[in-house]
Amino acid sequence: MVVQRPAESSSQQGLATLHVEDRNGVVHELEAVEGWRLMEILRDHGVGMDNTCGGALACAECHVILDVEWARRVPPPREEEIEKLDELPMLYENSRLSCQIIWSDEMSGLRLKLAQET
């Protein structure tokens, strides 16, 4: 007798996920990879990170707003990031540059919103 296993669902347990609200208000659930910059994850999934400086802190086009609950759980910004954020025309309490946040699986469930202003 041959026993078939049920097909695995696309939302397997254990996959690290990132929840992103794009500039049109659409929420995307993205699979994230340990050690990648948030900017790279967003770019590779096609969610608003097309024209970036590659993480060199030169453009601030990767400006995101972290969910209030998550802002405390992500490593704090370094001085260079704070200086670049200060150059933006619109800054929010939980503004960050996604090129400066390195994904770790402890961040699974992170929620953020792409900033309208760059």
PDB file of N, CA and C in Angstrom:
ATOM      1  N   MET A   1       0.845  -1.182   0.000  1.00  0.00           N
ATOM      2  CA  MET A   1       0.000   0.000   0.000  1.00  0.00           C
ATOM      3  C   MET A   1       0.890   1.245   0.000  1.00  0.00           C
ATOM      4  N   VAL A   2       0.586   2.204  -0.850  1.00  0.00           N
ATOM      5  CA  VAL A   2       1.333   3.455  -0.941  1.00  0.00           C
ATOM      6  C   VAL A   2       0.539   4.536  -0.219  1.00  0.00           C
ATOM      7  N   VAL A   3       1.216   5.222   0.675  1.00  0.00           N
ATOM      8  CA  VAL A   3       0.570   6.304   1.421  1.00  0.00           C
ATOM      9  C   VAL A   3       1.109   7.621   0.890  1.00  0.00           C
ATOM     10  N   GLN A   4       0.197   8.512   0.499  1.00  0.00           N
ATOM     11  CA  GLN A   4       0.617   9.822   0.012  1.00  0.00           C
ATOM     12  C   GLN A   4       0.562  10.834   1.132  1.00  0.00           C
ATOM     13  N   ARG A   5       1.561  11.667   1.166  1.00  0.00           N
ATOM     14  CA  ARG A   5       1.572  12.753   2.134  1.00  0.00           C
ATOM     15  C   ARG A   5       0.776  13.923   1.573  1.00  0.00           C
ATOM     16  N   PRO A   6       0.114  14.680   2.444  1.00  0.00           N
ATOM     17  CA  PRO A   6      -0.577  15.864   1.945  1.00  0.00           C
ATOM     18  C   PRO A   6       0.454  16.880   1.453  1.00  0.00           C
ATOM     19  N   ALA A   7       0.069  17.655   0.458  1.00  0.00           N
ATOM     20  CA  ALA A   7       0.966  18.685  -0.068  1.00  0.00           C
ATOM     21  C   ALA A   7       1.261  19.705   1.015  1.00  0.00           C
ATOM     22  N   GLU A   8       2.528  20.159   1.036  1.00  0.00           N
ATOM     23  CA  GLU A   8       2.912  21.155   2.025  1.00  0.00           C
ATOM     24  C   GLU A   8       2.330  22.503   1.637  1.00  0.00           C
ATOM     25  N   SER A   9       1.868  23.229   2.627  1.00  0.00           N
ATOM     26  CA  SER A   9       1.321  24.550   2.351  1.00  0.00           C
ATOM     27  C   SER A   9       2.444  25.534   2.125  1.00  0.00           C
ATOM     28  N   SER A  10       2.126  26.673   1.470  1.00  0.00           N
ATOM     29  CA  SER A  10       3.145  27.679   1.182  1.00  0.00           C
ATOM     30  C   SER A  10       3.596  28.404   2.436  1.00  0.00           C
ATOM     31  N   SER A  11       2.800  28.356   3.488  1.00  0.00           N
ATOM     32  CA  SER A  11       3.204  29.015   4.736  1.00  0.00           C
ATOM     33  C   SER A  11       3.674  27.968   5.735  1.00  0.00           C
ATOM     34  N   GLN A  12       4.802  27.349   5.398  1.00  0.00           N
ATOM     35  CA  GLN A  12       5.362  26.314   6.255  1.00  0.00           C
ATOM     36  C   GLN A  12       5.790  26.915   7.578  1.00  0.00           C
ATOM     37  N   GLN A  13       5.669  26.093   8.620  1.00  0.00           N
ATOM     38  CA  GLN A  13       6.141  26.541   9.917  1.00  0.00           C
ATOM     39  C   GLN A  13       7.646  26.703   9.857  1.00  0.00           C
ATOM     40  N   GLY A  14       8.157  27.682  10.581  1.00  0.00           N
ATOM     41  CA  GLY A  14       9.582  27.866  10.641  1.00  0.00           C
ATOM     42  C   GLY A  14      10.138  28.870   9.650  1.00  0.00           C
ATOM     43  N   LEU A  15       9.382  29.257   8.629  1.00  0.00           N
ATOM     44  CA  LEU A  15       9.876  30.252   7.690  1.00  0.00           C
ATOM     45  C   LEU A  15       9.794  31.629   8.340  1.00  0.00           C
ATOM     46  N   ALA A  16      10.878  32.371   8.236  1.00  0.00           N
ATOM     47  CA  ALA A  16      10.905  33.726   8.771  1.00  0.00           C
ATOM     48  C   ALA A  16      10.121  34.631   7.831  1.00  0.00           C
ATOM     49  N   THR A  17       9.222  35.429   8.386  1.00  0.00           N
ATOM     50  CA  THR A  17       8.392  36.287   7.545  1.00  0.00           C
ATOM     51  C   THR A  17       8.481  37.747   7.971  1.00  0.00           C
ATOM     52  N   LEU A  18       8.306  38.587   6.990  1.00  0.00           N
ATOM     53  CA  LEU A  18       8.330  40.026   7.134  1.00  0.00           C
ATOM     54  C   LEU A  18       7.033  40.551   6.547  1.00  0.00           C
ATOM     55  N   HIS A  19       6.330  41.409   7.279  1.00  0.00           N
ATOM     56  CA  HIS A  19       5.060  41.973   6.821  1.00  0.00           C
ATOM     57  C   HIS A  19       5.295  43.425   6.433  1.00  0.00           C
ATOM     58  N   VAL A  20       5.038  43.741   5.159  1.00  0.00           N
ATOM     59  CA  VAL A  20       5.361  45.051   4.624  1.00  0.00           C
ATOM     60  C   VAL A  20       4.125  45.692   4.007  1.00  0.00           C
ATOM     61  N   GLU A  21       3.836  46.917   4.433  1.00  0.00           N
ATOM     62  CA  GLU A  21       2.782  47.697   3.782  1.00  0.00           C
ATOM     63  C   GLU A  21       3.462  48.577   2.737  1.00  0.00           C
ATOM     64  N   ASP A  22       3.078  48.398   1.464  1.00  0.00           N
ATOM     65  CA  ASP A  22       3.721  49.179   0.413  1.00  0.00           C
ATOM     66  C   ASP A  22       3.123  50.586   0.340  1.00  0.00           C
ATOM     67  N   ARG A  23       3.581  51.392  -0.593  1.00  0.00           N
ATOM     68  CA  ARG A  23       3.149  52.790  -0.696  1.00  0.00           C
ATOM     69  C   ARG A  23       1.706  52.939  -1.172  1.00  0.00           C
ATOM     70  N   ASN A  24       1.100  51.834  -1.615  1.00  0.00           N
ATOM     71  CA  ASN A  24      -0.307  51.848  -2.017  1.00  0.00           C
ATOM     72  C   ASN A  24      -1.217  51.280  -0.930  1.00  0.00           C
ATOM     73  N   GLY A  25      -0.656  50.942   0.224  1.00  0.00           N
ATOM     74  CA  GLY A  25      -1.442  50.407   1.326  1.00  0.00           C
ATOM     75  C   GLY A  25      -1.657  48.905   1.278  1.00  0.00           C
ATOM     76  N   VAL A  26      -1.036  48.219   0.336  1.00  0.00           N
ATOM     77  CA  VAL A  26      -1.161  46.769   0.219  1.00  0.00           C
ATOM     78  C   VAL A  26      -0.128  46.112   1.132  1.00  0.00           C
ATOM     79  N   VAL A  27      -0.571  45.131   1.920  1.00  0.00           N
ATOM     80  CA  VAL A  27       0.326  44.431   2.835  1.00  0.00           C
ATOM     81  C   VAL A  27       0.819  43.151   2.165  1.00  0.00           C
ATOM     82  N   HIS A  28       2.138  42.953   2.213  1.00  0.00           N
ATOM     83  CA  HIS A  28       2.790  41.778   1.636  1.00  0.00           C
ATOM     84  C   HIS A  28       3.441  40.981   2.754  1.00  0.00           C
ATOM     85  N   GLU A  29       3.342  39.664   2.675  1.00  0.00           N
ATOM     86  CA  GLU A  29       4.048  38.783   3.600  1.00  0.00           C
ATOM     87  C   GLU A  29       5.213  38.179   2.823  1.00  0.00           C
ATOM     88  N   LEU A  30       6.424  38.527   3.231  1.00  0.00           N
ATOM     89  CA  LEU A  30       7.615  38.115   2.502  1.00  0.00           C
ATOM     90  C   LEU A  30       8.433  37.124   3.303  1.00  0.00           C
ATOM     91  N   GLU A  31       9.016  36.174   2.608  1.00  0.00           N
ATOM     92  CA  GLU A  31       9.963  35.263   3.237  1.00  0.00           C
ATOM     93  C   GLU A  31      11.288  35.999   3.363  1.00  0.00           C
ATOM     94  N   ALA A  32      11.922  35.906   4.512  1.00  0.00           N
ATOM     95  CA  ALA A  32      13.166  36.626   4.753  1.00  0.00           C
ATOM     96  C   ALA A  32      14.304  35.645   4.998  1.00  0.00           C
ATOM     97  N   VAL A  33      15.514  36.083   4.675  1.00  0.00           N
ATOM     98  CA  VAL A  33      16.691  35.227   4.770  1.00  0.00           C
ATOM     99  C   VAL A  33      17.670  35.807   5.792  1.00  0.00           C
ATOM    100  N   GLU A  34      18.093  34.972   6.719  1.00  0.00           N
ATOM    101  CA  GLU A  34      19.054  35.340   7.758  1.00  0.00           C
ATOM    102  C   GLU A  34      20.288  35.993   7.143  1.00  0.00           C
ATOM    103  N   GLY A  35      20.702  37.140   7.708  1.00  0.00           N
ATOM    104  CA  GLY A  35      21.913  37.815   7.277  1.00  0.00           C
ATOM    105  C   GLY A  35      21.740  38.820   6.154  1.00  0.00           C
ATOM    106  N   TRP A  36      20.555  38.871   5.536  1.00  0.00           N
ATOM    107  CA  TRP A  36      20.316  39.833   4.460  1.00  0.00           C
ATOM    108  C   TRP A  36      19.860  41.159   5.054  1.00  0.00           C
ATOM    109  N   ARG A  37      20.138  42.240   4.353  1.00  0.00           N
ATOM    110  CA  ARG A  37      19.623  43.547   4.740  1.00  0.00           C
ATOM    111  C   ARG A  37      18.131  43.600   4.394  1.00  0.00           C
ATOM    112  N   LEU A  38      17.347  44.291   5.205  1.00  0.00           N
ATOM    113  CA  LEU A  38      15.925  44.427   4.884  1.00  0.00           C
ATOM    114  C   LEU A  38      15.748  44.988   3.480  1.00  0.00           C
ATOM    115  N   MET A  39      16.581  45.945   3.092  1.00  0.00           N
ATOM    116  CA  MET A  39      16.506  46.530   1.761  1.00  0.00           C
ATOM    117  C   MET A  39      16.614  45.456   0.679  1.00  0.00           C
ATOM    118  N   GLU A  40      17.517  44.494   0.852  1.00  0.00           N
ATOM    119  CA  GLU A  40      17.707  43.431  -0.131  1.00  0.00           C
ATOM    120  C   GLU A  40      16.483  42.527  -0.202  1.00  0.00           C
ATOM    121  N   ILE A  41      15.901  42.238   0.940  1.00  0.00           N
ATOM    122  CA  ILE A  41      14.699  41.396   0.976  1.00  0.00           C
ATOM    123  C   ILE A  41      13.565  42.095   0.235  1.00  0.00           C
ATOM    124  N   LEU A  42      13.365  43.381   0.529  1.00  0.00           N
ATOM    125  CA  LEU A  42      12.314  44.152  -0.131  1.00  0.00           C
ATOM    126  C   LEU A  42      12.565  44.233  -1.636  1.00  0.00           C
ATOM    127  N   ARG A  43      13.793  44.523  -2.017  1.00  0.00           N
ATOM    128  CA  ARG A  43      14.155  44.636  -3.436  1.00  0.00           C
ATOM    129  C   ARG A  43      13.923  43.322  -4.171  1.00  0.00           C
ATOM    130  N   ASP A  44      14.395  42.220  -3.594  1.00  0.00           N
ATOM    131  CA  ASP A  44      14.290  40.938  -4.274  1.00  0.00           C
ATOM    132  C   ASP A  44      12.854  40.445  -4.396  1.00  0.00           C
ATOM    133  N   HIS A  45      11.980  40.921  -3.525  1.00  0.00           N
ATOM    134  CA  HIS A  45      10.559  40.574  -3.623  1.00  0.00           C
ATOM    135  C   HIS A  45       9.783  41.605  -4.447  1.00  0.00           C
ATOM    136  N   GLY A  46      10.478  42.627  -4.959  1.00  0.00           N
ATOM    137  CA  GLY A  46       9.832  43.630  -5.804  1.00  0.00           C
ATOM    138  C   GLY A  46       8.914  44.574  -5.054  1.00  0.00           C
ATOM    139  N   VAL A  47       9.240  44.848  -3.791  1.00  0.00           N
ATOM    140  CA  VAL A  47       8.385  45.708  -2.972  1.00  0.00           C
ATOM    141  C   VAL A  47       9.091  47.044  -2.699  1.00  0.00           C
ATOM    142  N   GLY A  48       9.120  47.916  -3.702  1.00  0.00           N
ATOM    143  CA  GLY A  48       9.513  49.297  -3.517  1.00  0.00           C
ATOM    144  C   GLY A  48      10.964  49.649  -3.307  1.00  0.00           C
ATOM    145  N   MET A  49      11.904  48.800  -3.623  1.00  0.00           N
ATOM    146  CA  MET A  49      13.310  49.130  -3.412  1.00  0.00           C
ATOM    147  C   MET A  49      14.091  48.975  -4.722  1.00  0.00           C
ATOM    148  N   ASP A  50      13.649  49.630  -5.764  1.00  0.00           N
ATOM    149  CA  ASP A  50      14.279  49.451  -7.069  1.00  0.00           C
ATOM    150  C   ASP A  50      15.530  50.295  -7.283  1.00  0.00           C
ATOM    151  N   ASN A  51      15.545  51.520  -6.806  1.00  0.00           N
ATOM    152  CA  ASN A  51      16.638  52.443  -7.108  1.00  0.00           C
ATOM    153  C   ASN A  51      17.377  52.853  -5.843  1.00  0.00           C
ATOM    154  N   THR A  52      18.127  51.928  -5.308  1.00  0.00           N
ATOM    155  CA  THR A  52      18.833  52.226  -4.066  1.00  0.00           C
ATOM    156  C   THR A  52      20.324  52.340  -4.304  1.00  0.00           C
ATOM    157  N   CYS A  53      21.029  52.862  -3.323  1.00  0.00           N
ATOM    158  CA  CYS A  53      22.489  53.028  -3.392  1.00  0.00           C
ATOM    159  C   CYS A  53      23.211  51.745  -2.989  1.00  0.00           C
ATOM    160  N   GLY A  54      22.460  50.709  -2.701  1.00  0.00           N
ATOM    161  CA  GLY A  54      23.084  49.446  -2.332  1.00  0.00           C
ATOM    162  C   GLY A  54      23.515  49.368  -0.883  1.00  0.00           C
ATOM    163  N   GLY A  55      23.010  50.253  -0.054  1.00  0.00           N
ATOM    164  CA  GLY A  55      23.329  50.204   1.369  1.00  0.00           C
ATOM    165  C   GLY A  55      24.487  51.074   1.778  1.00  0.00           C
ATOM    166  N   ALA A  56      24.884  52.016   0.909  1.00  0.00           N
ATOM    167  CA  ALA A  56      26.037  52.870   1.189  1.00  0.00           C
ATOM    168  C   ALA A  56      25.673  54.141   1.960  1.00  0.00           C
ATOM    169  N   LEU A  57      24.433  54.257   2.412  1.00  0.00           N
ATOM    170  CA  LEU A  57      23.955  55.448   3.125  1.00  0.00           C
ATOM    171  C   LEU A  57      24.101  56.717   2.287  1.00  0.00           C
ATOM    172  N   ALA A  58      23.866  56.579   0.976  1.00  0.00           N
ATOM    173  CA  ALA A  58      24.006  57.722   0.082  1.00  0.00           C
ATOM    174  C   ALA A  58      22.669  58.306  -0.360  1.00  0.00           C
ATOM    175  N   CYS A  59      21.580  57.546  -0.281  1.00  0.00           N
ATOM    176  CA  CYS A  59      20.341  58.045  -0.881  1.00  0.00           C
ATOM    177  C   CYS A  59      19.133  58.088   0.050  1.00  0.00           C
ATOM    178  N   ALA A  60      19.017  57.230   0.998  1.00  0.00           N
ATOM    179  CA  ALA A  60      17.868  57.133   1.916  1.00  0.00           C
ATOM    180  C   ALA A  60      16.562  56.757   1.219  1.00  0.00           C
ATOM    181  N   GLU A  61      16.647  56.194   0.006  1.00  0.00           N
ATOM    182  CA  GLU A  61      15.434  55.749  -0.688  1.00  0.00           C
ATOM    183  C   GLU A  61      14.813  54.512  -0.036  1.00  0.00           C
ATOM    184  N   CYS A  62      15.527  53.889   0.862  1.00  0.00           N
ATOM    185  CA  CYS A  62      15.023  52.681   1.518  1.00  0.00           C
ATOM    186  C   CYS A  62      14.369  53.002   2.867  1.00  0.00           C
ATOM    187  N   HIS A  63      13.903  54.234   3.018  1.00  0.00           N
ATOM    188  CA  HIS A  63      13.262  54.705   4.248  1.00  0.00           C
ATOM    189  C   HIS A  63      12.005  53.883   4.541  1.00  0.00           C
ATOM    190  N   VAL A  64      11.959  53.312   5.739  1.00  0.00           N
ATOM    191  CA  VAL A  64      10.797  52.548   6.191  1.00  0.00           C
ATOM    192  C   VAL A  64      10.388  53.041   7.573  1.00  0.00           C
ATOM    193  N   ILE A  65       9.166  52.712   7.942  1.00  0.00           N
ATOM    194  CA  ILE A  65       8.651  53.054   9.268  1.00  0.00           C
ATOM    195  C   ILE A  65       8.319  51.744   9.963  1.00  0.00           C
ATOM    196  N   LEU A  66       9.031  51.463  11.030  1.00  0.00           N
ATOM    197  CA  LEU A  66       8.809  50.230  11.774  1.00  0.00           C
ATOM    198  C   LEU A  66       7.545  50.333  12.606  1.00  0.00           C
ATOM    199  N   ASP A  67       6.845  49.224  12.729  1.00  0.00           N
ATOM    200  CA  ASP A  67       5.702  49.126  13.617  1.00  0.00           C
ATOM    201  C   ASP A  67       6.174  49.448  15.038  1.00  0.00           C
ATOM    202  N   VAL A  68       5.347  50.139  15.801  1.00  0.00           N
ATOM    203  CA  VAL A  68       5.711  50.570  17.153  1.00  0.00           C
ATOM    204  C   VAL A  68       6.199  49.407  18.008  1.00  0.00           C
ATOM    205  N   GLU A  69       5.504  48.287  17.960  1.00  0.00           N
ATOM    206  CA  GLU A  69       5.895  47.136  18.774  1.00  0.00           C
ATOM    207  C   GLU A  69       7.263  46.580  18.364  1.00  0.00           C
ATOM    208  N   TRP A  70       7.605  46.714  17.098  1.00  0.00           N
ATOM    209  CA  TRP A  70       8.855  46.155  16.606  1.00  0.00           C
ATOM    210  C   TRP A  70      10.032  47.110  16.733  1.00  0.00           C
ATOM    211  N   ALA A  71       9.779  48.386  16.808  1.00  0.00           N
ATOM    212  CA  ALA A  71      10.863  49.371  16.850  1.00  0.00           C
ATOM    213  C   ALA A  71      11.826  49.113  18.004  1.00  0.00           C
ATOM    214  N   ARG A  72      11.314  48.647  19.111  1.00  0.00           N
ATOM    215  CA  ARG A  72      12.158  48.368  20.286  1.00  0.00           C
ATOM    216  C   ARG A  72      12.921  47.065  20.166  1.00  0.00           C
ATOM    217  N   ARG A  73      12.492  46.197  19.263  1.00  0.00           N
ATOM    218  CA  ARG A  73      13.086  44.868  19.160  1.00  0.00           C
ATOM    219  C   ARG A  73      14.150  44.767  18.068  1.00  0.00           C
ATOM    220  N   VAL A  74      14.289  45.812  17.281  1.00  0.00           N
ATOM    221  CA  VAL A  74      15.285  45.852  16.215  1.00  0.00           C
ATOM    222  C   VAL A  74      16.506  46.593  16.758  1.00  0.00           C
ATOM    223  N   PRO A  75      17.708  46.159  16.406  1.00  0.00           N
ATOM    224  CA  PRO A  75      18.898  46.884  16.889  1.00  0.00           C
ATOM    225  C   PRO A  75      18.803  48.384  16.578  1.00  0.00           C
ATOM    226  N   PRO A  76      19.262  49.225  17.485  1.00  0.00           N
ATOM    227  CA  PRO A  76      19.133  50.679  17.286  1.00  0.00           C
ATOM    228  C   PRO A  76      20.008  51.174  16.134  1.00  0.00           C
ATOM    229  N   PRO A  77      19.659  52.323  15.567  1.00  0.00           N
ATOM    230  CA  PRO A  77      20.452  52.868  14.460  1.00  0.00           C
ATOM    231  C   PRO A  77      21.808  53.373  14.944  1.00  0.00           C
ATOM    232  N   ARG A  78      22.792  53.277  14.052  1.00  0.00           N
ATOM    233  CA  ARG A  78      24.105  53.859  14.333  1.00  0.00           C
ATOM    234  C   ARG A  78      24.065  55.344  13.972  1.00  0.00           C
ATOM    235  N   GLU A  79      25.068  56.062  14.391  1.00  0.00           N
ATOM    236  CA  GLU A  79      25.129  57.517  14.175  1.00  0.00           C
ATOM    237  C   GLU A  79      25.020  57.894  12.694  1.00  0.00           C
ATOM    238  N   GLU A  80      25.661  57.133  11.814  1.00  0.00           N
ATOM    239  CA  GLU A  80      25.624  57.433  10.377  1.00  0.00           C
ATOM    240  C   GLU A  80      24.201  57.359   9.832  1.00  0.00           C
ATOM    241  N   GLU A  81      23.433  56.377  10.291  1.00  0.00           N
ATOM    242  CA  GLU A  81      22.047  56.241   9.848  1.00  0.00           C
ATOM    243  C   GLU A  81      21.210  57.403  10.367  1.00  0.00           C
ATOM    244  N   ILE A  82      21.416  57.781  11.610  1.00  0.00           N
ATOM    245  CA  ILE A  82      20.668  58.898  12.195  1.00  0.00           C
ATOM    246  C   ILE A  82      20.942  60.183  11.415  1.00  0.00           C
ATOM    247  N   GLU A  83      22.188  60.396  11.043  1.00  0.00           N
ATOM    248  CA  GLU A  83      22.549  61.590  10.265  1.00  0.00           C
ATOM    249  C   GLU A  83      21.851  61.601   8.912  1.00  0.00           C
ATOM    250  N   LYS A  84      21.783  60.457   8.234  1.00  0.00           N
ATOM    251  CA  LYS A  84      21.118  60.381   6.930  1.00  0.00           C
ATOM    252  C   LYS A  84      19.612  60.568   7.092  1.00  0.00           C
ATOM    253  N   LEU A  85      19.023  59.979   8.123  1.00  0.00           N
ATOM    254  CA  LEU A  85      17.589  60.161   8.376  1.00  0.00           C
ATOM    255  C   LEU A  85      17.257  61.631   8.610  1.00  0.00           C
ATOM    256  N   ASP A  86      18.142  62.357   9.275  1.00  0.00           N
ATOM    257  CA  ASP A  86      17.911  63.775   9.548  1.00  0.00           C
ATOM    258  C   ASP A  86      17.843  64.618   8.285  1.00  0.00           C
ATOM    259  N   GLU A  87      18.338  64.108   7.171  1.00  0.00           N
ATOM    260  CA  GLU A  87      18.296  64.821   5.899  1.00  0.00           C
ATOM    261  C   GLU A  87      16.952  64.670   5.182  1.00  0.00           C
ATOM    262  N   LEU A  88      16.126  63.740   5.627  1.00  0.00           N
ATOM    263  CA  LEU A  88      14.850  63.482   4.957  1.00  0.00           C
ATOM    264  C   LEU A  88      13.856  64.609   5.197  1.00  0.00           C
ATOM    265  N   PRO A  89      12.988  64.878   4.200  1.00  0.00           N
ATOM    266  CA  PRO A  89      11.987  65.941   4.371  1.00  0.00           C
ATOM    267  C   PRO A  89      10.898  65.580   5.375  1.00  0.00           C
ATOM    268  N   MET A  90      10.638  64.287   5.562  1.00  0.00           N
ATOM    269  CA  MET A  90       9.611  63.839   6.495  1.00  0.00           C
ATOM    270  C   MET A  90      10.172  62.680   7.289  1.00  0.00           C
ATOM    271  N   LEU A  91      10.196  62.835   8.598  1.00  0.00           N
ATOM    272  CA  LEU A  91      10.752  61.819   9.481  1.00  0.00           C
ATOM    273  C   LEU A  91       9.673  61.406  10.475  1.00  0.00           C
ATOM    274  N   TYR A  92       9.610  60.119  10.778  1.00  0.00           N
ATOM    275  CA  TYR A  92       8.636  59.581  11.715  1.00  0.00           C
ATOM    276  C   TYR A  92       9.354  59.051  12.942  1.00  0.00           C
ATOM    277  N   GLU A  93       8.619  58.854  13.999  1.00  0.00           N
ATOM    278  CA  GLU A  93       9.216  58.383  15.248  1.00  0.00           C
ATOM    279  C   GLU A  93       9.997  57.090  15.070  1.00  0.00           C
ATOM    280  N   ASN A  94       9.485  56.190  14.250  1.00  0.00           N
ATOM    281  CA  ASN A  94      10.121  54.889  14.063  1.00  0.00           C
ATOM    282  C   ASN A  94      10.752  54.752  12.684  1.00  0.00           C
ATOM    283  N   SER A  95      11.196  55.856  12.101  1.00  0.00           N
ATOM    284  CA  SER A  95      11.865  55.825  10.801  1.00  0.00           C
ATOM    285  C   SER A  95      13.200  55.105  10.901  1.00  0.00           C
ATOM    286  N   ARG A  96      13.468  54.315   9.888  1.00  0.00           N
ATOM    287  CA  ARG A  96      14.758  53.627   9.770  1.00  0.00           C
ATOM    288  C   ARG A  96      15.098  53.515   8.293  1.00  0.00           C
ATOM    289  N   LEU A  97      16.353  53.242   8.001  1.00  0.00           N
ATOM    290  CA  LEU A  97      16.790  52.931   6.649  1.00  0.00           C
ATOM    291  C   LEU A  97      16.941  51.423   6.570  1.00  0.00           C
ATOM    292  N   SER A  98      16.188  50.806   5.672  1.00  0.00           N
ATOM    293  CA  SER A  98      16.174  49.341   5.616  1.00  0.00           C
ATOM    294  C   SER A  98      17.520  48.753   5.197  1.00  0.00           C
ATOM    295  N   CYS A  99      18.385  49.572   4.601  1.00  0.00           N
ATOM    296  CA  CYS A  99      19.717  49.076   4.236  1.00  0.00           C
ATOM    297  C   CYS A  99      20.606  48.885   5.456  1.00  0.00           C
ATOM    298  N   GLN A 100      20.206  49.424   6.591  1.00  0.00           N
ATOM    299  CA  GLN A 100      21.026  49.359   7.792  1.00  0.00           C
ATOM    300  C   GLN A 100      20.532  48.335   8.811  1.00  0.00           C
ATOM    301  N   ILE A 101      19.478  47.610   8.469  1.00  0.00           N
ATOM    302  CA  ILE A 101      18.941  46.584   9.373  1.00  0.00           C
ATOM    303  C   ILE A 101      19.226  45.214   8.767  1.00  0.00           C
ATOM    304  N   ILE A 102      20.027  44.439   9.470  1.00  0.00           N
ATOM    305  CA  ILE A 102      20.375  43.085   9.023  1.00  0.00           C
ATOM    306  C   ILE A 102      19.357  42.116   9.618  1.00  0.00           C
ATOM    307  N   TRP A 103      18.727  41.343   8.742  1.00  0.00           N
ATOM    308  CA  TRP A 103      17.684  40.409   9.168  1.00  0.00           C
ATOM    309  C   TRP A 103      18.269  39.265   9.984  1.00  0.00           C
ATOM    310  N   SER A 104      17.599  38.971  11.086  1.00  0.00           N
ATOM    311  CA  SER A 104      17.867  37.749  11.836  1.00  0.00           C
ATOM    312  C   SER A 104      16.518  37.074  12.052  1.00  0.00           C
ATOM    313  N   ASP A 105      16.534  35.781  12.181  1.00  0.00           N
ATOM    314  CA  ASP A 105      15.272  35.046  12.303  1.00  0.00           C
ATOM    315  C   ASP A 105      14.496  35.416  13.566  1.00  0.00           C
ATOM    316  N   GLU A 106      15.159  36.027  14.547  1.00  0.00           N
ATOM    317  CA  GLU A 106      14.441  36.507  15.732  1.00  0.00           C
ATOM    318  C   GLU A 106      13.487  37.646  15.365  1.00  0.00           C
ATOM    319  N   MET A 107      13.664  38.231  14.194  1.00  0.00           N
ATOM    320  CA  MET A 107      12.790  39.319  13.736  1.00  0.00           C
ATOM    321  C   MET A 107      11.553  38.803  13.017  1.00  0.00           C
ATOM    322  N   SER A 108      11.399  37.486  12.915  1.00  0.00           N
ATOM    323  CA  SER A 108      10.256  36.937  12.184  1.00  0.00           C
ATOM    324  C   SER A 108       8.956  37.528  12.715  1.00  0.00           C
ATOM    325  N   GLY A 109       8.146  38.018  11.806  1.00  0.00           N
ATOM    326  CA  GLY A 109       6.892  38.670  12.168  1.00  0.00           C
ATOM    327  C   GLY A 109       6.981  40.183  12.118  1.00  0.00           C
ATOM    328  N   LEU A 110       8.190  40.715  11.887  1.00  0.00           N
ATOM    329  CA  LEU A 110       8.407  42.155  11.825  1.00  0.00           C
ATOM    330  C   LEU A 110       7.410  42.817  10.877  1.00  0.00           C
ATOM    331  N   ARG A 111       6.873  43.941  11.317  1.00  0.00           N
ATOM    332  CA  ARG A 111       5.935  44.713  10.508  1.00  0.00           C
ATOM    333  C   ARG A 111       6.524  46.092  10.267  1.00  0.00           C
ATOM    334  N   LEU A 112       6.439  46.510   9.006  1.00  0.00           N
ATOM    335  CA  LEU A 112       6.913  47.840   8.652  1.00  0.00           C
ATOM    336  C   LEU A 112       6.104  48.391   7.493  1.00  0.00           C
ATOM    337  N   LYS A 113       6.287  49.674   7.255  1.00  0.00           N
ATOM    338  CA  LYS A 113       5.585  50.375   6.185  1.00  0.00           C
ATOM    339  C   LYS A 113       6.636  51.139   5.378  1.00  0.00           C
ATOM    340  N   LEU A 114       6.511  51.105   4.054  1.00  0.00           N
ATOM    341  CA  LEU A 114       7.403  51.906   3.221  1.00  0.00           C
ATOM    342  C   LEU A 114       6.992  53.361   3.337  1.00  0.00           C
ATOM    343  N   ALA A 115       7.955  54.220   3.576  1.00  0.00           N
ATOM    344  CA  ALA A 115       7.669  55.658   3.706  1.00  0.00           C
ATOM    345  C   ALA A 115       7.294  56.232   2.333  1.00  0.00           C
ATOM    346  N   GLN A 116       6.375  57.169   2.322  1.00  0.00           N
ATOM    347  CA  GLN A 116       5.971  57.822   1.074  1.00  0.00           C
ATOM    348  C   GLN A 116       7.040  58.781   0.580  1.00  0.00           C
ATOM    349  N   GLU A 117       7.673  59.473   1.495  1.00  0.00           N
ATOM    350  CA  GLU A 117       8.665  60.476   1.147  1.00  0.00           C
ATOM    351  C   GLU A 117      10.050  59.852   1.149  1.00  0.00           C
ATOM    352  N   THR A 118      10.848  60.227   0.177  1.00  0.00           N
ATOM    353  CA  THR A 118      12.245  59.764   0.151  1.00  0.00           C
ATOM    354  C   THR A 118      13.165  60.950  -0.031  1.00  0.00           C
TER     355      THR A 118
END
